[in-house]
Amino acid sequence: MKVKALVIISIISLFACKSMIKKTPQQVNYIPYFPVVYECDSIYMAKDYKTVAKRLDSLFKFYKPKNTLQEIDSYIKASYLSKQNMDYPKYFKLLVAEYGYQFNKDNTMGEDSLVNAIYIEKLNINKNYVHWREEYKAHSNPELAKTLKKMMLIDQKYRKIDNRDISKLDSIDHINEPKLINILNNGYPNRSVIPRDTLGYITSISSLLLHTKDSIRMAYFAPKVLTYVKTGDCSPSVYAGLIDQYYLYNGEKQIYNSYISNRPLKDSSMTSKMRLKIGLPKSLTINHWVFYQKILQSDLPEKIKKRYLKNIKKSIIK
């Protein structure tokens, strides 16, 4: 039954894609796009690379790939591993010129090791690389990256266990909120805008959003984030987390099941439909299982890894 559900999601999503071919970029709704990408993540983890390559190839015929969920990485890797033909220069240009990827023989910038190896094998730092890097520098915003880092430092100053002071959190969040509004009014700061730092780290605003006050979160931040989910620039999980955390912190039931919690859902019979409406996979186990596999393969310390895996496993079994 699960397999049938996944196939249905793909068919519905791809039919939705076809209706968008003639629309301008501003009109394209990426919400049907994301469930297909999530599904491909789970299929990739099952090592069915040929299916992933074919489904993403079909998806990218109707949507410009955004790489919000590293779907371009997945397409390149799946095509390579299944020996499917693909336009490597086209998609590597997207990674470098649009998302600021940096490739070299030693992979010193911490990109996906297989993607880096495929780039070296297929393009070998070709003559266009420098031009692609210049294209990225022209539209990225290093100053915004610095601003976000400062905001993160302020945000975490009194949240750290060794310096925790709950009485000061409201005043800190009050400082960051106007800055967040200004940032979001000018676009969503994903990797297309925020370059990696010298350590290969990319600053995200997702944790800052989770520390906004309830009133302004529901009136401004949540609707604004949803508009960026629709444009494909923000992951649906960011929006789901904003909404579900709001309800959980106010003693209510979550809607999208984005948090691992023993608390029952607001309306479990409608959860799958509600998730699909914002671009999350219909099956509650797909993104939990994908996350489980990614944690399993990560370089996190063993203690932290075991804690994550234990919690995710409970959620999947449930």
Protein backbone atom coordinates (compact mmCIF):
# COMPACT_ATOMS: atom_id res chain seq x y z
CA MET A 1 0.00 0.00 0.00
CA LYS A 2 2.85 2.39 0.80
CA VAL A 3 4.39 1.83 -2.63
CA LYS A 4 1.05 2.58 -4.31
CA ALA A 5 0.70 5.77 -2.27
CA LEU A 6 4.15 6.93 -3.33
CA VAL A 7 3.39 6.27 -6.98
CA ILE A 8 0.11 8.20 -6.71
CA ILE A 9 1.94 11.17 -5.18
CA SER A 10 4.40 11.19 -8.09
CA ILE A 11 1.70 10.96 -10.75
CA ILE A 12 -0.41 13.72 -9.18
CA SER A 13 2.62 15.96 -8.72
CA LEU A 14 3.90 15.49 -12.26
CA PHE A 15 0.46 16.18 -13.74
CA ALA A 16 0.37 19.35 -11.66
CA CYS A 17 3.78 20.23 -13.10
CA LYS A 18 2.49 20.03 -16.68
CA SER A 19 -0.06 22.75 -16.07
CA MET A 20 2.73 25.15 -15.15
CA ILE A 21 4.87 25.05 -18.27
CA LYS A 22 3.44 28.28 -19.71
CA LYS A 23 3.46 30.19 -16.43
CA THR A 24 6.03 32.81 -15.52
CA PRO A 25 8.53 31.98 -12.72
CA GLN A 26 6.56 34.19 -10.29
CA GLN A 27 3.40 32.10 -10.87
CA VAL A 28 4.92 28.63 -10.52
CA ASN A 29 3.84 26.84 -7.34
CA TYR A 30 6.52 24.46 -6.05
CA ILE A 31 4.34 22.76 -3.46
CA PRO A 32 3.59 19.76 -5.77
CA TYR A 33 7.32 19.58 -6.53
CA PHE A 34 8.52 18.89 -2.99
CA PRO A 35 6.71 15.56 -2.30
CA VAL A 36 8.37 14.09 -5.40
CA VAL A 37 11.79 15.22 -4.13
CA TYR A 38 11.11 13.76 -0.67
CA GLU A 39 10.02 10.49 -2.27
CA CYS A 40 13.18 10.39 -4.37
CA ASP A 41 15.22 10.86 -1.19
CA SER A 42 13.69 7.71 0.29
CA ILE A 43 14.17 5.77 -2.96
CA TYR A 44 17.80 6.93 -3.11
CA MET A 45 18.35 5.61 0.41
CA ALA A 46 17.01 2.27 -0.83
CA LYS A 47 19.71 2.45 -3.56
CA ASP A 48 17.28 2.42 -6.48
CA TYR A 49 19.36 5.05 -8.26
CA LYS A 50 17.89 4.51 -11.72
CA THR A 51 14.37 5.32 -10.53
CA VAL A 52 15.59 8.44 -8.76
CA ALA A 53 17.44 9.64 -11.86
CA LYS A 54 14.40 9.13 -14.08
CA ARG A 55 11.91 10.76 -11.71
CA LEU A 56 14.06 13.81 -11.06
CA ASP A 57 14.81 14.10 -14.77
CA SER A 58 11.05 14.19 -15.45
CA LEU A 59 10.46 16.66 -12.62
CA PHE A 60 13.17 19.03 -13.86
CA LYS A 61 11.55 19.16 -17.29
CA PHE A 62 8.63 21.03 -15.71
CA TYR A 63 10.30 22.86 -12.84
CA LYS A 64 13.58 24.68 -12.61
CA PRO A 65 15.44 22.71 -9.90
CA LYS A 66 15.89 24.74 -6.72
CA ASN A 67 18.19 22.46 -4.69
CA THR A 68 16.31 23.40 -1.51
CA LEU A 69 16.51 19.73 -0.48
CA GLN A 70 19.79 19.06 -2.36
CA GLU A 71 17.79 17.55 -5.20
CA ILE A 72 20.35 18.55 -7.83
CA ASP A 73 22.99 16.68 -5.81
CA SER A 74 20.69 13.65 -5.73
CA TYR A 75 20.03 13.83 -9.48
CA ILE A 76 23.74 14.01 -10.31
CA LYS A 77 24.65 11.15 -7.96
CA ALA A 78 21.74 8.92 -8.99
CA SER A 79 22.43 9.46 -12.71
CA TYR A 80 26.11 8.70 -12.22
CA LEU A 81 25.56 5.60 -10.08
CA SER A 82 22.91 4.18 -12.46
CA LYS A 83 24.89 5.20 -15.56
CA GLN A 84 22.04 7.28 -16.95
CA ASN A 85 22.80 10.02 -19.45
CA MET A 86 22.53 13.56 -18.14
CA ASP A 87 23.79 17.04 -18.99
CA TYR A 88 26.56 17.32 -16.38
CA PRO A 89 27.76 20.84 -17.40
CA LYS A 90 24.19 22.21 -17.15
CA TYR A 91 23.57 20.92 -13.62
CA PHE A 92 27.05 21.60 -12.29
CA LYS A 93 26.71 25.15 -13.57
CA LEU A 94 23.50 25.45 -11.52
CA LEU A 95 25.31 24.22 -8.40
CA VAL A 96 28.26 26.59 -8.86
CA ALA A 97 26.67 29.71 -10.41
CA GLU A 98 23.34 29.60 -8.57
CA TYR A 99 24.17 27.91 -5.26
CA GLY A 100 27.83 28.70 -4.74
CA TYR A 101 29.23 25.17 -4.69
CA GLN A 102 33.01 25.02 -4.69
CA PHE A 103 34.81 22.00 -6.05
CA ASN A 104 38.47 21.00 -5.84
CA LYS A 105 40.46 17.78 -5.77
CA ASP A 106 40.72 17.71 -1.97
CA ASN A 107 37.12 18.84 -1.40
CA THR A 108 38.31 21.37 1.19
CA MET A 109 34.95 23.23 1.20
CA GLY A 110 33.06 20.21 2.47
CA GLU A 111 30.69 19.63 -0.46
CA ASP A 112 29.09 16.20 -0.85
CA SER A 113 32.13 13.98 -1.43
CA LEU A 114 30.54 12.00 -4.28
CA VAL A 115 29.27 15.13 -6.05
CA ASN A 116 32.75 16.64 -5.76
CA ALA A 117 34.34 13.45 -7.15
CA ILE A 118 31.88 13.34 -10.07
CA TYR A 119 32.66 16.97 -10.88
CA ILE A 120 36.40 16.28 -10.93
CA GLU A 121 35.86 13.22 -13.12
CA LYS A 122 33.41 14.75 -15.59
CA LEU A 123 34.50 18.38 -15.82
CA ASN A 124 37.91 18.49 -14.09
CA ILE A 125 37.55 22.18 -13.03
CA ASN A 126 36.83 23.31 -16.59
CA LYS A 127 37.45 26.80 -17.96
CA ASN A 128 33.87 27.87 -17.19
CA TYR A 129 34.29 27.29 -13.44
CA VAL A 130 35.79 30.74 -12.81
CA HIS A 131 32.96 32.43 -14.74
CA TRP A 132 30.35 30.42 -12.83
CA ARG A 133 31.92 31.46 -9.52
CA GLU A 134 31.80 35.11 -10.64
CA GLU A 135 28.10 34.73 -11.48
CA TYR A 136 27.45 33.47 -7.96
CA LYS A 137 29.43 36.27 -6.33
CA ALA A 138 27.40 38.80 -8.31
CA HIS A 139 24.08 37.76 -6.72
CA SER A 140 25.14 36.33 -3.34
CA ASN A 141 25.25 38.48 -0.22
CA PRO A 142 28.25 37.91 2.11
CA GLU A 143 27.22 40.88 4.26
CA LEU A 144 23.85 39.28 4.92
CA ALA A 145 25.68 36.11 5.95
CA LYS A 146 27.66 38.16 8.51
CA THR A 147 24.46 39.78 9.78
CA LEU A 148 22.82 36.39 10.27
CA LYS A 149 25.85 35.08 12.15
CA LYS A 150 25.68 38.04 14.54
CA MET A 151 21.96 37.46 15.00
CA MET A 152 22.63 33.79 15.77
CA LEU A 153 25.25 34.71 18.37
CA ILE A 154 22.80 37.09 20.06
CA ASP A 155 20.02 34.51 19.82
CA GLN A 156 22.09 31.80 21.52
CA LYS A 157 23.89 33.97 24.08
CA TYR A 158 21.48 33.22 26.93
CA ARG A 159 20.14 29.94 25.59
CA LYS A 160 23.34 27.99 26.14
CA ILE A 161 23.24 25.63 29.10
CA ASP A 162 26.33 27.18 30.72
CA ASN A 163 24.94 30.73 30.39
CA ARG A 164 21.18 30.22 30.43
CA ASP A 165 19.05 33.20 31.48
CA ILE A 166 15.39 32.88 30.47
CA SER A 167 14.57 36.40 31.72
CA LYS A 168 16.66 37.92 28.92
CA LEU A 169 15.32 35.85 26.02
CA ASP A 170 12.35 38.10 25.19
CA SER A 171 14.52 41.20 24.89
CA ILE A 172 16.97 39.36 22.60
CA ASP A 173 14.20 38.02 20.39
CA HIS A 174 12.73 41.53 20.24
CA ILE A 175 16.07 42.77 18.83
CA ASN A 176 16.18 40.11 16.12
CA GLU A 177 12.54 40.24 14.96
CA PRO A 178 12.70 43.56 13.01
CA LYS A 179 15.91 42.38 11.34
CA LEU A 180 14.24 39.11 10.34
CA ILE A 181 11.30 41.03 8.86
CA ASN A 182 13.65 43.18 6.81
CA ILE A 183 15.52 40.11 5.56
CA LEU A 184 12.37 38.21 4.55
CA ASN A 185 10.90 41.25 2.82
CA ASN A 186 13.86 41.01 0.44
CA GLY A 187 13.78 37.27 -0.22
CA TYR A 188 14.45 34.00 1.58
CA PRO A 189 18.14 33.64 2.59
CA ASN A 190 19.00 30.19 1.28
CA ARG A 191 22.28 29.06 -0.24
CA SER A 192 21.58 31.03 -3.42
CA VAL A 193 22.11 34.14 -1.30
CA ILE A 194 24.19 33.01 1.68
CA PRO A 195 27.68 31.76 0.75
CA ARG A 196 29.55 29.17 2.77
CA ASP A 197 32.05 30.55 5.25
CA THR A 198 35.70 29.47 5.39
CA LEU A 199 34.70 26.40 7.41
CA GLY A 200 32.11 25.36 4.86
CA TYR A 201 29.20 26.33 7.15
CA ILE A 202 25.98 27.92 5.86
CA THR A 203 23.97 30.06 8.26
CA SER A 204 20.24 29.27 8.36
CA ILE A 205 17.41 31.40 9.74
CA SER A 206 15.20 28.46 10.72
CA SER A 207 16.17 28.53 14.41
CA LEU A 208 15.71 32.31 14.55
CA LEU A 209 12.20 31.92 13.19
CA LEU A 210 11.38 29.44 15.96
CA HIS A 211 12.18 32.11 18.55
CA THR A 212 9.68 34.69 17.29
CA LYS A 213 6.69 35.80 19.39
CA ASP A 214 3.40 34.00 18.78
CA SER A 215 1.44 37.02 17.55
CA ILE A 216 3.94 38.20 14.93
CA ARG A 217 4.79 34.63 13.98
CA MET A 218 1.22 33.81 12.99
CA ALA A 219 0.47 37.24 11.51
CA TYR A 220 3.66 37.72 9.50
CA PHE A 221 6.43 35.10 9.68
CA ALA A 222 4.41 31.95 8.97
CA PRO A 223 2.50 33.40 5.96
CA LYS A 224 5.72 34.93 4.61
CA VAL A 225 7.65 31.67 4.92
CA LEU A 226 4.79 29.84 3.15
CA THR A 227 5.14 32.19 0.15
CA TYR A 228 8.79 31.12 -0.11
CA VAL A 229 7.81 27.45 0.11
CA LYS A 230 5.55 28.08 -2.88
CA THR A 231 8.42 29.66 -4.84
CA GLY A 232 10.62 26.66 -3.98
CA ASP A 233 13.13 28.73 -2.02
CA CYS A 234 12.29 27.39 1.44
CA SER A 235 11.80 23.83 2.67
CA PRO A 236 8.21 22.91 3.69
CA SER A 237 9.64 21.57 6.96
CA VAL A 238 10.55 25.13 8.04
CA TYR A 239 6.94 26.24 7.72
CA ALA A 240 5.61 23.06 9.37
CA GLY A 241 8.00 23.53 12.28
CA LEU A 242 6.84 27.13 12.80
CA ILE A 243 3.20 26.09 12.97
CA ASP A 244 3.57 22.85 14.96
CA GLN A 245 5.90 24.42 17.53
CA TYR A 246 3.36 27.22 18.06
CA TYR A 247 0.61 24.72 18.85
CA LEU A 248 2.79 22.45 21.00
CA TYR A 249 4.15 25.35 23.07
CA ASN A 250 0.58 26.54 23.67
CA GLY A 251 -0.51 23.13 24.94
CA GLU A 252 -2.33 22.17 21.75
CA LYS A 253 -1.94 19.38 19.20
CA GLN A 254 0.33 19.74 16.18
CA ILE A 255 -1.01 19.66 12.62
CA TYR A 256 1.84 18.40 10.41
CA ASN A 257 3.56 15.93 12.76
CA SER A 258 6.87 17.73 12.16
CA TYR A 259 7.96 17.19 15.77
CA ILE A 260 8.56 13.82 17.37
CA SER A 261 6.03 13.93 20.19
CA ASN A 262 3.78 11.57 22.12
CA ARG A 263 1.04 14.19 22.03
CA PRO A 264 -1.78 13.21 19.62
CA LEU A 265 -2.32 15.12 16.38
CA LYS A 266 -4.98 17.81 15.93
CA ASP A 267 -6.80 15.70 13.34
CA SER A 268 -4.92 12.51 12.46
CA SER A 269 -7.40 11.66 9.68
CA MET A 270 -6.45 14.89 7.88
CA THR A 271 -2.70 14.90 8.59
CA SER A 272 -1.65 13.41 5.24
CA LYS A 273 -3.76 15.91 3.29
CA MET A 274 -2.51 18.82 5.38
CA ARG A 275 1.10 17.77 4.82
CA LEU A 276 0.64 17.51 1.06
CA LYS A 277 -0.92 20.98 1.00
CA ILE A 278 2.37 22.51 2.13
CA GLY A 279 4.70 20.21 0.18
CA LEU A 280 5.59 17.62 2.82
CA PRO A 281 5.39 13.93 1.87
CA LYS A 282 2.01 12.36 2.49
CA SER A 283 3.50 9.43 4.35
CA LEU A 284 4.59 10.40 7.86
CA THR A 285 7.36 7.82 7.74
CA ILE A 286 9.10 9.00 4.54
CA ASN A 287 10.89 12.08 5.88
CA HIS A 288 11.47 10.45 9.30
CA TRP A 289 13.09 7.46 7.60
CA VAL A 290 15.18 9.67 5.29
CA PHE A 291 16.29 11.71 8.30
CA TYR A 292 17.11 8.46 10.15
CA GLN A 293 19.34 7.31 7.28
CA LYS A 294 21.08 10.69 7.01
CA ILE A 295 21.81 10.76 10.75
CA LEU A 296 23.04 7.15 10.56
CA GLN A 297 25.52 8.10 7.84
CA SER A 298 26.57 11.41 9.42
CA ASP A 299 29.76 12.33 11.27
CA LEU A 300 27.92 13.36 14.44
CA PRO A 301 29.37 12.19 17.79
CA GLU A 302 28.11 8.71 18.64
CA LYS A 303 26.18 9.80 21.76
CA ILE A 304 24.24 12.47 19.88
CA LYS A 305 23.70 10.14 16.93
CA LYS A 306 22.27 7.39 19.17
CA ARG A 307 19.88 9.83 20.86
CA TYR A 308 18.56 11.09 17.50
CA LEU A 309 18.22 7.59 16.08
CA LYS A 310 16.34 6.33 19.14
CA ASN A 311 13.77 9.16 18.95
CA ILE A 312 13.28 8.84 15.19
CA LYS A 313 12.91 5.07 15.45
CA LYS A 314 10.12 5.48 18.02
CA SER A 315 8.32 7.88 15.70
CA ILE A 316 8.58 5.56 12.68
CA ILE A 317 7.36 2.50 14.63
CA LYS A 318 4.50 4.53 16.06
